[in-house]
Amino acid sequence: FNQTSFAATEGSGAVVHVCCEILNPDSVELPGAALLLTFTVSGTADSQDYSITPLIMELFLSPASNINVACIEIAVADDNITEGAESVVLTLEASAFSSESFDVAPNQATLTIQDQNA
């Protein structure tokens, strides 16, 4: 991920873009010409606190096609419940369209959602 820590407040209409990027696309050789990044979502926030795009847990990067940046969009919602700060944690894994593996670092980003009702 390009950035690993984000913050937003419920009810603010905030949309957070968590992006990953191939930093040296000219030096990356992918046998399948693409890199598929899968991610998982965890943390203390639940589905009433945010929505996430893409809904499928995959991002696609392809230096050969000049697709060097892929983003996950998190829209912060207001659940009208008084609670403390909650987190959304994205964990990234890389899997190429081949038998080769790629290092993805840093592979975790955290969005802290502050409650407007607290």
Protein backbone atom coordinates (compact mmCIF):
# COMPACT_ATOMS: atom_id res chain seq x y z
CA PHE A 1 0.00 0.00 0.00
CA ASN A 2 1.15 3.54 -0.68
CA GLN A 3 -0.12 4.71 2.71
CA THR A 4 -0.83 2.54 5.75
CA SER A 5 -2.86 4.74 8.10
CA PHE A 6 -6.09 6.64 7.42
CA ALA A 7 -8.72 8.37 9.58
CA ALA A 8 -12.27 9.55 8.93
CA THR A 9 -15.33 10.57 10.94
CA GLU A 10 -18.76 8.98 10.69
CA GLY A 11 -21.33 11.21 9.03
CA SER A 12 -18.69 13.29 7.24
CA GLY A 13 -19.35 11.73 3.84
CA ALA A 14 -15.70 10.69 3.71
CA VAL A 15 -14.49 8.36 0.99
CA VAL A 16 -11.01 6.97 1.56
CA HIS A 17 -8.89 5.61 -1.30
CA VAL A 18 -6.37 2.98 -0.25
CA CYS A 19 -4.02 2.40 -3.17
CA CYS A 20 -1.20 0.07 -4.09
CA GLU A 21 1.32 0.75 -6.79
CA ILE A 22 4.10 -0.94 -8.70
CA LEU A 23 6.93 1.47 -7.88
CA ASN A 24 9.32 0.44 -10.66
CA PRO A 25 7.09 -0.86 -13.47
CA ASP A 26 9.92 -0.95 -16.00
CA SER A 27 11.86 -3.40 -13.84
CA VAL A 28 8.94 -5.78 -13.26
CA GLU A 29 8.73 -8.79 -15.52
CA LEU A 30 5.51 -10.71 -15.16
CA PRO A 31 5.20 -13.88 -17.23
CA GLY A 32 1.44 -13.41 -17.50
CA ALA A 33 1.83 -9.62 -17.97
CA ALA A 34 -0.36 -9.01 -14.92
CA LEU A 35 -0.38 -9.22 -11.16
CA LEU A 36 -3.50 -10.14 -9.24
CA LEU A 37 -3.65 -8.76 -5.71
CA THR A 38 -6.14 -10.24 -3.31
CA PHE A 39 -7.07 -8.57 -0.06
CA THR A 40 -8.97 -9.38 3.09
CA VAL A 41 -10.97 -7.05 5.32
CA SER A 42 -10.94 -7.28 9.10
CA GLY A 43 -11.08 -4.93 12.07
CA THR A 44 -13.66 -3.82 14.62
CA ALA A 45 -15.97 -1.92 12.26
CA ASP A 46 -18.91 -3.79 10.76
CA SER A 47 -20.79 -3.45 7.48
CA GLN A 48 -23.01 -0.69 8.91
CA ASP A 49 -19.94 1.51 9.35
CA TYR A 50 -18.59 1.44 5.78
CA SER A 51 -18.96 0.12 2.26
CA ILE A 52 -16.08 -1.03 0.11
CA THR A 53 -15.41 -1.07 -3.64
CA PRO A 54 -14.49 -3.31 -5.39
CA LEU A 55 -16.85 -5.84 -3.84
CA ILE A 56 -14.68 -8.68 -5.08
CA MET A 57 -11.50 -8.85 -3.06
CA GLU A 58 -9.12 -8.50 -6.00
CA LEU A 59 -7.07 -5.75 -7.62
CA PHE A 60 -5.41 -6.02 -11.01
CA LEU A 61 -2.05 -4.45 -11.94
CA SER A 62 -0.46 -4.73 -15.37
CA PRO A 63 2.77 -2.82 -16.13
CA ALA A 64 2.58 -3.96 -19.75
CA SER A 65 -0.75 -2.13 -20.05
CA ASN A 66 0.32 0.89 -17.95
CA ILE A 67 -1.95 -0.16 -15.08
CA ASN A 68 0.49 0.49 -12.24
CA VAL A 69 -1.92 1.71 -9.54
CA ALA A 70 -5.04 0.05 -8.16
CA CYS A 71 -7.26 1.46 -5.41
CA ILE A 72 -9.79 0.23 -2.91
CA GLU A 73 -12.51 2.75 -2.08
CA ILE A 74 -13.98 2.82 1.43
CA ALA A 75 -17.05 5.01 1.97
CA VAL A 76 -17.60 5.80 5.64
CA ALA A 77 -21.23 5.57 6.78
CA ASP A 78 -23.04 6.88 9.84
CA ASP A 79 -24.66 4.04 11.77
CA ASN A 80 -26.23 6.41 14.36
CA ILE A 81 -24.84 4.29 17.21
CA THR A 82 -22.76 5.85 19.96
CA GLU A 83 -19.50 3.89 20.11
CA GLY A 84 -15.78 4.40 20.25
CA ALA A 85 -13.35 4.48 17.36
CA GLU A 86 -13.51 1.45 15.06
CA SER A 87 -11.08 0.11 12.51
CA VAL A 88 -11.13 -1.33 9.01
CA VAL A 89 -7.96 -3.30 8.26
CA LEU A 90 -7.04 -4.27 4.70
CA THR A 91 -4.43 -6.99 4.24
CA LEU A 92 -2.93 -7.44 0.80
CA GLU A 93 -1.52 -10.60 -0.77
CA ALA A 94 0.11 -10.92 -4.17
CA SER A 95 -0.40 -13.78 -6.54
CA ALA A 96 0.85 -13.65 -10.08
CA PHE A 97 -0.71 -15.44 -13.01
CA SER A 98 2.29 -17.76 -12.83
CA SER A 99 4.26 -19.83 -10.35
CA GLU A 100 6.42 -16.84 -9.37
CA SER A 101 5.71 -14.98 -6.15
CA PHE A 102 6.01 -11.26 -5.49
CA ASP A 103 6.70 -9.37 -2.30
CA VAL A 104 4.01 -6.89 -1.34
CA ALA A 105 5.13 -4.46 1.35
CA PRO A 106 3.72 -2.87 3.31
CA ASN A 107 0.80 -5.26 3.04
CA GLN A 108 -1.59 -3.79 5.61
CA ALA A 109 -3.51 -0.52 5.79
CA THR A 110 -5.81 0.63 8.60
CA LEU A 111 -8.69 3.10 8.48
CA THR A 112 -9.76 4.40 11.89
CA ILE A 113 -13.38 5.57 11.93
CA GLN A 114 -14.11 8.11 14.66
CA ASP A 115 -17.67 8.17 15.98
CA GLN A 116 -19.46 11.49 15.60
CA ASN A 117 -21.93 10.55 18.36
CA ALA A 118 -19.35 9.87 21.07
